[in-house]
All heavy atoms as atom14 arrays in JSON, in Angstrom:
{
  "sequence": "TKLAPDLLKAITEPSKKEFTEKALQLLAGTTFMNRVDAP",
  "atom14_mask": [
    [1, 1, 1, 1, 1, 1, 1, 0, 0, 0, 0, 0, 0, 0],
    [1, 1, 1, 1, 1, 1, 1, 1, 1, 0, 0, 0, 0, 0],
    [1, 1, 1, 1, 1, 1, 1, 1, 0, 0, 0, 0, 0, 0],
    [1, 1, 1, 1, 1, 0, 0, 0, 0, 0, 0, 0, 0, 0],
    [1, 1, 1, 1, 1, 1, 1, 0, 0, 0, 0, 0, 0, 0],
    [1, 1, 1, 1, 1, 1, 1, 1, 0, 0, 0, 0, 0, 0],
    [1, 1, 1, 1, 1, 1, 1, 1, 0, 0, 0, 0, 0, 0],
    [1, 1, 1, 1, 1, 1, 1, 1, 0, 0, 0, 0, 0, 0],
    [1, 1, 1, 1, 1, 1, 1, 1, 1, 0, 0, 0, 0, 0],
    [1, 1, 1, 1, 1, 0, 0, 0, 0, 0, 0, 0, 0, 0],
    [1, 1, 1, 1, 1, 1, 1, 1, 0, 0, 0, 0, 0, 0],
    [1, 1, 1, 1, 1, 1, 1, 0, 0, 0, 0, 0, 0, 0],
    [1, 1, 1, 1, 1, 1, 1, 1, 1, 0, 0, 0, 0, 0],
    [1, 1, 1, 1, 1, 1, 1, 0, 0, 0, 0, 0, 0, 0],
    [1, 1, 1, 1, 1, 1, 0, 0, 0, 0, 0, 0, 0, 0],
    [1, 1, 1, 1, 1, 1, 1, 1, 1, 0, 0, 0, 0, 0],
    [1, 1, 1, 1, 1, 1, 1, 1, 1, 0, 0, 0, 0, 0],
    [1, 1, 1, 1, 1, 1, 1, 1, 1, 0, 0, 0, 0, 0],
    [1, 1, 1, 1, 1, 1, 1, 1, 1, 1, 1, 0, 0, 0],
    [1, 1, 1, 1, 1, 1, 1, 0, 0, 0, 0, 0, 0, 0],
    [1, 1, 1, 1, 1, 1, 1, 1, 1, 0, 0, 0, 0, 0],
    [1, 1, 1, 1, 1, 1, 1, 1, 1, 0, 0, 0, 0, 0],
    [1, 1, 1, 1, 1, 0, 0, 0, 0, 0, 0, 0, 0, 0],
    [1, 1, 1, 1, 1, 1, 1, 1, 0, 0, 0, 0, 0, 0],
    [1, 1, 1, 1, 1, 1, 1, 1, 1, 0, 0, 0, 0, 0],
    [1, 1, 1, 1, 1, 1, 1, 1, 0, 0, 0, 0, 0, 0],
    [1, 1, 1, 1, 1, 1, 1, 1, 0, 0, 0, 0, 0, 0],
    [1, 1, 1, 1, 1, 0, 0, 0, 0, 0, 0, 0, 0, 0],
    [1, 1, 1, 1, 0, 0, 0, 0, 0, 0, 0, 0, 0, 0],
    [1, 1, 1, 1, 1, 1, 1, 0, 0, 0, 0, 0, 0, 0],
    [1, 1, 1, 1, 1, 1, 1, 0, 0, 0, 0, 0, 0, 0],
    [1, 1, 1, 1, 1, 1, 1, 1, 1, 1, 1, 0, 0, 0],
    [1, 1, 1, 1, 1, 1, 1, 1, 0, 0, 0, 0, 0, 0],
    [1, 1, 1, 1, 1, 1, 1, 1, 0, 0, 0, 0, 0, 0],
    [1, 1, 1, 1, 1, 1, 1, 1, 1, 1, 1, 0, 0, 0],
    [1, 1, 1, 1, 1, 1, 1, 0, 0, 0, 0, 0, 0, 0],
    [1, 1, 1, 1, 1, 1, 1, 1, 0, 0, 0, 0, 0, 0],
    [1, 1, 1, 1, 1, 0, 0, 0, 0, 0, 0, 0, 0, 0],
    [1, 1, 1, 1, 1, 1, 1, 0, 0, 0, 0, 0, 0, 0]
  ],
  "atom14_positions": [
    [[-57.93, 232.76, 143.65], [-58.18, 233.94, 142.71], [-57.23, 233.82, 141.57], [-57.57, 234.1, 140.41], [-57.9, 235.27, 143.52], [-58.93, 235.33, 144.62], [-58.09, 236.39, 142.59], [0.0, 0.0, 0.0], [0.0, 0.0, 0.0], [0.0, 0.0, 0.0], [0.0, 0.0, 0.0], [0.0, 0.0, 0.0], [0.0, 0.0, 0.0], [0.0, 0.0, 0.0]],
    [[-55.98, 233.46, 141.89], [-54.99, 233.42, 140.81], [-55.27, 232.3, 139.83], [-55.03, 232.37, 138.57], [-53.61, 233.1, 141.46], [-52.44, 233.09, 140.48], [-51.11, 232.86, 141.24], [-49.96, 232.77, 140.21], [-48.69, 232.57, 140.93], [0.0, 0.0, 0.0], [0.0, 0.0, 0.0], [0.0, 0.0, 0.0], [0.0, 0.0, 0.0], [0.0, 0.0, 0.0]],
    [[-55.9, 231.17, 140.26], [-56.2, 230.03, 139.42], [-57.57, 230.14, 138.79], [-57.85, 229.23, 137.95], [-56.06, 228.74, 140.25], [-54.69, 228.44, 140.95], [-54.82, 227.11, 141.62], [-53.58, 228.32, 140.0], [0.0, 0.0, 0.0], [0.0, 0.0, 0.0], [0.0, 0.0, 0.0], [0.0, 0.0, 0.0], [0.0, 0.0, 0.0], [0.0, 0.0, 0.0]],
    [[-58.38, 231.02, 139.27], [-59.79, 231.04, 138.8], [-60.04, 230.95, 137.29], [-60.92, 230.16, 136.89], [-60.45, 232.3, 139.37], [0.0, 0.0, 0.0], [0.0, 0.0, 0.0], [0.0, 0.0, 0.0], [0.0, 0.0, 0.0], [0.0, 0.0, 0.0], [0.0, 0.0, 0.0], [0.0, 0.0, 0.0], [0.0, 0.0, 0.0], [0.0, 0.0, 0.0]],
    [[-59.33, 231.6, 136.51], [-59.58, 231.5, 135.04], [-59.37, 230.06, 134.47], [-60.25, 229.58, 133.79], [-58.6, 232.43, 134.36], [-58.21, 233.42, 135.49], [-58.26, 232.65, 136.71], [0.0, 0.0, 0.0], [0.0, 0.0, 0.0], [0.0, 0.0, 0.0], [0.0, 0.0, 0.0], [0.0, 0.0, 0.0], [0.0, 0.0, 0.0], [0.0, 0.0, 0.0]],
    [[-58.39, 229.36, 135.06], [-58.13, 228.02, 134.61], [-59.11, 227.02, 135.24], [-59.56, 225.97, 134.61], [-56.7, 227.57, 134.93], [-55.67, 228.24, 134.09], [-55.59, 228.01, 132.85], [-55.0, 229.12, 134.62], [0.0, 0.0, 0.0], [0.0, 0.0, 0.0], [0.0, 0.0, 0.0], [0.0, 0.0, 0.0], [0.0, 0.0, 0.0], [0.0, 0.0, 0.0]],
    [[-59.57, 227.28, 136.4], [-60.61, 226.48, 137.02], [-61.92, 226.65, 136.34], [-62.53, 225.65, 136.2], [-60.65, 226.86, 138.6], [-59.49, 226.73, 139.43], [-59.81, 227.1, 140.84], [-58.92, 225.28, 139.4], [0.0, 0.0, 0.0], [0.0, 0.0, 0.0], [0.0, 0.0, 0.0], [0.0, 0.0, 0.0], [0.0, 0.0, 0.0], [0.0, 0.0, 0.0]],
    [[-62.22, 227.82, 135.94], [-63.42, 228.06, 135.29], [-63.46, 227.29, 133.86], [-64.55, 226.74, 133.5], [-63.71, 229.51, 134.99], [-64.21, 230.35, 136.24], [-64.21, 231.82, 135.94], [-65.57, 229.78, 136.73], [0.0, 0.0, 0.0], [0.0, 0.0, 0.0], [0.0, 0.0, 0.0], [0.0, 0.0, 0.0], [0.0, 0.0, 0.0], [0.0, 0.0, 0.0]],
    [[-62.4, 227.25, 133.27], [-62.21, 226.6, 131.92], [-62.57, 225.12, 132.21], [-63.2, 224.43, 131.35], [-60.83, 226.76, 131.3], [-60.68, 228.05, 130.61], [-59.27, 228.16, 129.97], [-59.07, 229.51, 129.34], [-57.66, 229.49, 128.74], [0.0, 0.0, 0.0], [0.0, 0.0, 0.0], [0.0, 0.0, 0.0], [0.0, 0.0, 0.0], [0.0, 0.0, 0.0]],
    [[-61.96, 224.51, 133.25], [-62.14, 223.13, 133.5], [-63.59, 222.83, 133.86], [-64.06, 221.76, 133.53], [-61.24, 222.68, 134.63], [0.0, 0.0, 0.0], [0.0, 0.0, 0.0], [0.0, 0.0, 0.0], [0.0, 0.0, 0.0], [0.0, 0.0, 0.0], [0.0, 0.0, 0.0], [0.0, 0.0, 0.0], [0.0, 0.0, 0.0], [0.0, 0.0, 0.0]],
    [[-64.19, 223.7, 134.56], [-65.64, 223.49, 135.0], [-66.58, 223.58, 133.8], [-67.48, 222.7, 133.66], [-65.99, 224.5, 136.13], [-65.25, 224.19, 137.33], [-67.52, 224.4, 136.35], [-65.39, 225.24, 138.4], [0.0, 0.0, 0.0], [0.0, 0.0, 0.0], [0.0, 0.0, 0.0], [0.0, 0.0, 0.0], [0.0, 0.0, 0.0], [0.0, 0.0, 0.0]],
    [[-66.39, 224.63, 132.92], [-67.29, 224.85, 131.92], [-67.09, 224.05, 130.65], [-67.92, 223.98, 129.79], [-67.35, 226.33, 131.53], [-65.97, 226.77, 131.18], [-67.77, 227.28, 132.7], [0.0, 0.0, 0.0], [0.0, 0.0, 0.0], [0.0, 0.0, 0.0], [0.0, 0.0, 0.0], [0.0, 0.0, 0.0], [0.0, 0.0, 0.0], [0.0, 0.0, 0.0]],
    [[-65.83, 223.43, 130.59], [-65.57, 222.62, 129.4], [-65.11, 221.26, 129.94], [-63.98, 220.82, 129.62], [-64.45, 223.21, 128.55], [-64.83, 224.58, 127.91], [-65.84, 224.49, 126.78], [-66.05, 223.22, 126.33], [-66.26, 225.51, 126.25], [0.0, 0.0, 0.0], [0.0, 0.0, 0.0], [0.0, 0.0, 0.0], [0.0, 0.0, 0.0], [0.0, 0.0, 0.0]],
    [[-66.03, 220.45, 130.6], [-65.61, 219.17, 131.16], [-65.22, 218.17, 130.14], [-64.46, 217.12, 130.41], [-66.8, 218.7, 131.88], [-68.08, 219.45, 131.27], [-67.39, 220.78, 130.79], [0.0, 0.0, 0.0], [0.0, 0.0, 0.0], [0.0, 0.0, 0.0], [0.0, 0.0, 0.0], [0.0, 0.0, 0.0], [0.0, 0.0, 0.0], [0.0, 0.0, 0.0]],
    [[-65.62, 218.32, 128.86], [-65.29, 217.39, 127.88], [-63.83, 217.58, 127.33], [-63.29, 216.65, 126.63], [-66.24, 217.45, 126.61], [-66.21, 218.72, 126.1], [0.0, 0.0, 0.0], [0.0, 0.0, 0.0], [0.0, 0.0, 0.0], [0.0, 0.0, 0.0], [0.0, 0.0, 0.0], [0.0, 0.0, 0.0], [0.0, 0.0, 0.0], [0.0, 0.0, 0.0]],
    [[-63.26, 218.67, 127.61], [-61.93, 218.92, 127.21], [-60.92, 218.62, 128.34], [-60.74, 219.39, 129.22], [-61.73, 220.43, 126.79], [-62.45, 220.74, 125.56], [-62.28, 222.2, 125.02], [-63.08, 222.48, 123.78], [-62.84, 223.79, 123.38], [0.0, 0.0, 0.0], [0.0, 0.0, 0.0], [0.0, 0.0, 0.0], [0.0, 0.0, 0.0], [0.0, 0.0, 0.0]],
    [[-60.36, 217.36, 128.27], [-59.63, 216.87, 129.41], [-58.36, 217.63, 129.69], [-57.83, 217.66, 130.83], [-59.19, 215.43, 129.23], [-60.38, 214.37, 129.18], [-59.92, 213.03, 129.04], [-59.27, 212.52, 130.3], [-58.91, 211.15, 130.4], [0.0, 0.0, 0.0], [0.0, 0.0, 0.0], [0.0, 0.0, 0.0], [0.0, 0.0, 0.0], [0.0, 0.0, 0.0]],
    [[-57.88, 218.43, 128.59], [-56.66, 219.15, 128.82], [-56.82, 220.25, 129.85], [-55.87, 220.7, 130.51], [-56.11, 219.71, 127.42], [-57.07, 220.67, 126.73], [-58.03, 219.98, 125.76], [-58.37, 218.82, 125.97], [-58.45, 220.75, 124.77], [0.0, 0.0, 0.0], [0.0, 0.0, 0.0], [0.0, 0.0, 0.0], [0.0, 0.0, 0.0], [0.0, 0.0, 0.0]],
    [[-58.07, 220.83, 129.86], [-58.39, 221.88, 130.8], [-58.35, 221.4, 132.24], [-57.84, 222.01, 133.12], [-59.77, 222.53, 130.53], [-59.81, 223.37, 129.19], [-60.97, 223.8, 128.61], [-58.61, 223.86, 128.63], [-61.02, 224.47, 127.46], [-58.61, 224.58, 127.47], [-59.76, 224.85, 126.94], [0.0, 0.0, 0.0], [0.0, 0.0, 0.0], [0.0, 0.0, 0.0]],
    [[-59.0, 220.14, 132.38], [-58.92, 219.61, 133.72], [-57.6, 219.29, 134.18], [-57.13, 219.43, 135.3], [-59.85, 218.31, 133.75], [-61.16, 218.64, 133.49], [-59.85, 217.69, 135.11], [0.0, 0.0, 0.0], [0.0, 0.0, 0.0], [0.0, 0.0, 0.0], [0.0, 0.0, 0.0], [0.0, 0.0, 0.0], [0.0, 0.0, 0.0], [0.0, 0.0, 0.0]],
    [[-56.77, 218.69, 133.23], [-55.41, 218.29, 133.51], [-54.53, 219.51, 133.9], [-53.74, 219.39, 134.86], [-54.75, 217.55, 132.36], [-55.37, 216.18, 132.04], [-54.99, 215.53, 130.72], [-54.22, 216.19, 130.0], [-55.31, 214.37, 130.51], [0.0, 0.0, 0.0], [0.0, 0.0, 0.0], [0.0, 0.0, 0.0], [0.0, 0.0, 0.0], [0.0, 0.0, 0.0]],
    [[-54.77, 220.63, 133.22], [-53.97, 221.81, 133.47], [-54.33, 222.35, 134.84], [-53.48, 222.74, 135.69], [-54.22, 222.93, 132.43], [-53.39, 224.14, 132.77], [-53.65, 225.19, 131.66], [-52.88, 226.47, 131.99], [-53.05, 227.55, 131.04], [0.0, 0.0, 0.0], [0.0, 0.0, 0.0], [0.0, 0.0, 0.0], [0.0, 0.0, 0.0], [0.0, 0.0, 0.0]],
    [[-55.71, 222.36, 135.1], [-56.14, 222.76, 136.49], [-55.52, 221.9, 137.61], [-55.07, 222.46, 138.66], [-57.71, 222.75, 136.59], [0.0, 0.0, 0.0], [0.0, 0.0, 0.0], [0.0, 0.0, 0.0], [0.0, 0.0, 0.0], [0.0, 0.0, 0.0], [0.0, 0.0, 0.0], [0.0, 0.0, 0.0], [0.0, 0.0, 0.0], [0.0, 0.0, 0.0]],
    [[-55.42, 220.64, 137.4], [-54.88, 219.73, 138.39], [-53.43, 220.0, 138.6], [-52.93, 219.99, 139.69], [-55.11, 218.27, 138.1], [-56.63, 217.76, 138.19], [-56.75, 216.39, 137.65], [-57.04, 217.91, 139.65], [0.0, 0.0, 0.0], [0.0, 0.0, 0.0], [0.0, 0.0, 0.0], [0.0, 0.0, 0.0], [0.0, 0.0, 0.0], [0.0, 0.0, 0.0]],
    [[-52.73, 220.23, 137.44], [-51.3, 220.57, 137.57], [-51.03, 221.84, 138.4], [-50.2, 221.88, 139.21], [-50.75, 220.66, 136.04], [-50.61, 219.36, 135.34], [-50.23, 219.59, 133.87], [-50.0, 220.72, 133.46], [-50.13, 218.47, 133.18], [0.0, 0.0, 0.0], [0.0, 0.0, 0.0], [0.0, 0.0, 0.0], [0.0, 0.0, 0.0], [0.0, 0.0, 0.0]],
    [[-51.93, 222.84, 138.02], [-51.7, 224.01, 138.81], [-52.01, 223.89, 140.17], [-51.32, 224.52, 141.15], [-52.69, 225.1, 138.19], [-52.29, 225.64, 136.73], [-53.43, 226.5, 136.14], [-50.99, 226.36, 136.78], [0.0, 0.0, 0.0], [0.0, 0.0, 0.0], [0.0, 0.0, 0.0], [0.0, 0.0, 0.0], [0.0, 0.0, 0.0], [0.0, 0.0, 0.0]],
    [[-53.09, 223.12, 140.55], [-53.42, 222.87, 142.01], [-52.35, 222.1, 142.68], [-52.1, 222.34, 143.87], [-54.79, 222.1, 142.06], [-56.0, 222.96, 141.66], [-57.09, 221.96, 141.51], [-56.36, 223.97, 142.72], [0.0, 0.0, 0.0], [0.0, 0.0, 0.0], [0.0, 0.0, 0.0], [0.0, 0.0, 0.0], [0.0, 0.0, 0.0], [0.0, 0.0, 0.0]],
    [[-51.74, 221.19, 141.93], [-50.6, 220.33, 142.55], [-49.5, 221.19, 142.9], [-48.72, 220.89, 143.88], [-50.15, 219.21, 141.57], [0.0, 0.0, 0.0], [0.0, 0.0, 0.0], [0.0, 0.0, 0.0], [0.0, 0.0, 0.0], [0.0, 0.0, 0.0], [0.0, 0.0, 0.0], [0.0, 0.0, 0.0], [0.0, 0.0, 0.0], [0.0, 0.0, 0.0]],
    [[-49.25, 222.31, 142.12], [-48.1, 223.15, 142.47], [-48.4, 224.32, 143.39], [-47.63, 225.23, 143.52], [0.0, 0.0, 0.0], [0.0, 0.0, 0.0], [0.0, 0.0, 0.0], [0.0, 0.0, 0.0], [0.0, 0.0, 0.0], [0.0, 0.0, 0.0], [0.0, 0.0, 0.0], [0.0, 0.0, 0.0], [0.0, 0.0, 0.0], [0.0, 0.0, 0.0]],
    [[-49.62, 224.35, 143.88], [-50.07, 225.45, 144.74], [-49.94, 225.08, 146.26], [-50.32, 224.05, 146.71], [-51.51, 225.79, 144.48], [-51.68, 226.28, 143.06], [-52.05, 226.99, 145.31], [0.0, 0.0, 0.0], [0.0, 0.0, 0.0], [0.0, 0.0, 0.0], [0.0, 0.0, 0.0], [0.0, 0.0, 0.0], [0.0, 0.0, 0.0], [0.0, 0.0, 0.0]],
    [[-49.36, 225.84, 146.98], [-49.31, 225.84, 148.54], [-50.47, 226.62, 149.06], [-50.41, 227.94, 148.95], [-47.96, 226.25, 148.99], [-46.96, 225.49, 148.48], [-47.92, 226.01, 150.48], [0.0, 0.0, 0.0], [0.0, 0.0, 0.0], [0.0, 0.0, 0.0], [0.0, 0.0, 0.0], [0.0, 0.0, 0.0], [0.0, 0.0, 0.0], [0.0, 0.0, 0.0]],
    [[-51.45, 226.03, 149.57], [-52.58, 226.66, 150.24], [-52.13, 227.23, 151.57], [-51.81, 226.43, 152.44], [-53.8, 225.84, 150.25], [-54.38, 225.55, 148.82], [-54.01, 224.39, 148.15], [-55.32, 226.42, 148.36], [-54.52, 224.17, 146.98], [-55.85, 226.17, 147.1], [-55.47, 225.03, 146.37], [0.0, 0.0, 0.0], [0.0, 0.0, 0.0], [0.0, 0.0, 0.0]],
    [[-52.22, 228.52, 151.8], [-51.9, 229.13, 153.05], [-52.98, 229.98, 153.65], [-52.88, 230.4, 154.82], [-50.66, 229.98, 152.8], [-49.4, 229.22, 152.31], [-48.05, 230.28, 151.97], [-47.69, 230.81, 153.73], [0.0, 0.0, 0.0], [0.0, 0.0, 0.0], [0.0, 0.0, 0.0], [0.0, 0.0, 0.0], [0.0, 0.0, 0.0], [0.0, 0.0, 0.0]],
    [[-54.0, 230.28, 152.84], [-55.03, 231.14, 153.31], [-56.44, 230.5, 153.51], [-56.64, 229.38, 152.83], [-55.23, 232.29, 152.39], [-53.96, 233.21, 152.31], [-53.79, 234.07, 153.18], [-53.09, 233.0, 151.28], [0.0, 0.0, 0.0], [0.0, 0.0, 0.0], [0.0, 0.0, 0.0], [0.0, 0.0, 0.0], [0.0, 0.0, 0.0], [0.0, 0.0, 0.0]],
    [[-57.26, 231.08, 154.18], [-58.6, 230.43, 154.5], [-59.32, 230.2, 153.12], [-59.33, 231.14, 152.3], [-59.42, 231.3, 155.43], [-58.75, 231.52, 156.85], [-58.71, 230.27, 157.53], [-59.98, 229.74, 157.98], [-60.62, 230.13, 159.08], [-60.07, 231.07, 159.82], [-61.76, 229.62, 159.48], [0.0, 0.0, 0.0], [0.0, 0.0, 0.0], [0.0, 0.0, 0.0]],
    [[-59.93, 229.05, 153.02], [-60.74, 228.77, 151.86], [-62.28, 229.08, 152.05], [-62.86, 228.58, 153.05], [-60.66, 227.24, 151.49], [-61.57, 226.87, 150.32], [-59.18, 226.93, 151.22], [0.0, 0.0, 0.0], [0.0, 0.0, 0.0], [0.0, 0.0, 0.0], [0.0, 0.0, 0.0], [0.0, 0.0, 0.0], [0.0, 0.0, 0.0], [0.0, 0.0, 0.0]],
    [[-62.76, 229.95, 151.18], [-64.21, 230.37, 151.48], [-65.14, 229.6, 150.49], [-64.71, 228.7, 149.76], [-64.24, 231.85, 151.06], [-63.69, 232.15, 149.71], [-63.53, 231.31, 148.86], [-63.27, 233.38, 149.47], [0.0, 0.0, 0.0], [0.0, 0.0, 0.0], [0.0, 0.0, 0.0], [0.0, 0.0, 0.0], [0.0, 0.0, 0.0], [0.0, 0.0, 0.0]],
    [[-66.41, 229.89, 150.63], [-67.47, 229.19, 149.97], [-67.23, 229.19, 148.34], [-67.37, 228.12, 147.66], [-68.9, 229.57, 150.37], [0.0, 0.0, 0.0], [0.0, 0.0, 0.0], [0.0, 0.0, 0.0], [0.0, 0.0, 0.0], [0.0, 0.0, 0.0], [0.0, 0.0, 0.0], [0.0, 0.0, 0.0], [0.0, 0.0, 0.0], [0.0, 0.0, 0.0]],
    [[-66.99, 230.35, 147.81], [-66.9, 230.36, 146.33], [-65.67, 229.61, 145.89], [-65.68, 229.04, 144.77], [-66.65, 231.92, 146.03], [-67.33, 232.56, 147.17], [-67.06, 231.65, 148.36], [0.0, 0.0, 0.0], [0.0, 0.0, 0.0], [0.0, 0.0, 0.0], [0.0, 0.0, 0.0], [0.0, 0.0, 0.0], [0.0, 0.0, 0.0], [0.0, 0.0, 0.0]]
  ]
}
């Protein structure tokens, strides 16, 4: 939920590598502790 805005940018603008890179950086710094749902 916290990362959703940046993930959406990466998904909807695949040609802009900076969005994907930022999303990966955020994911790399995230500790997943809660159940992951379908969305």
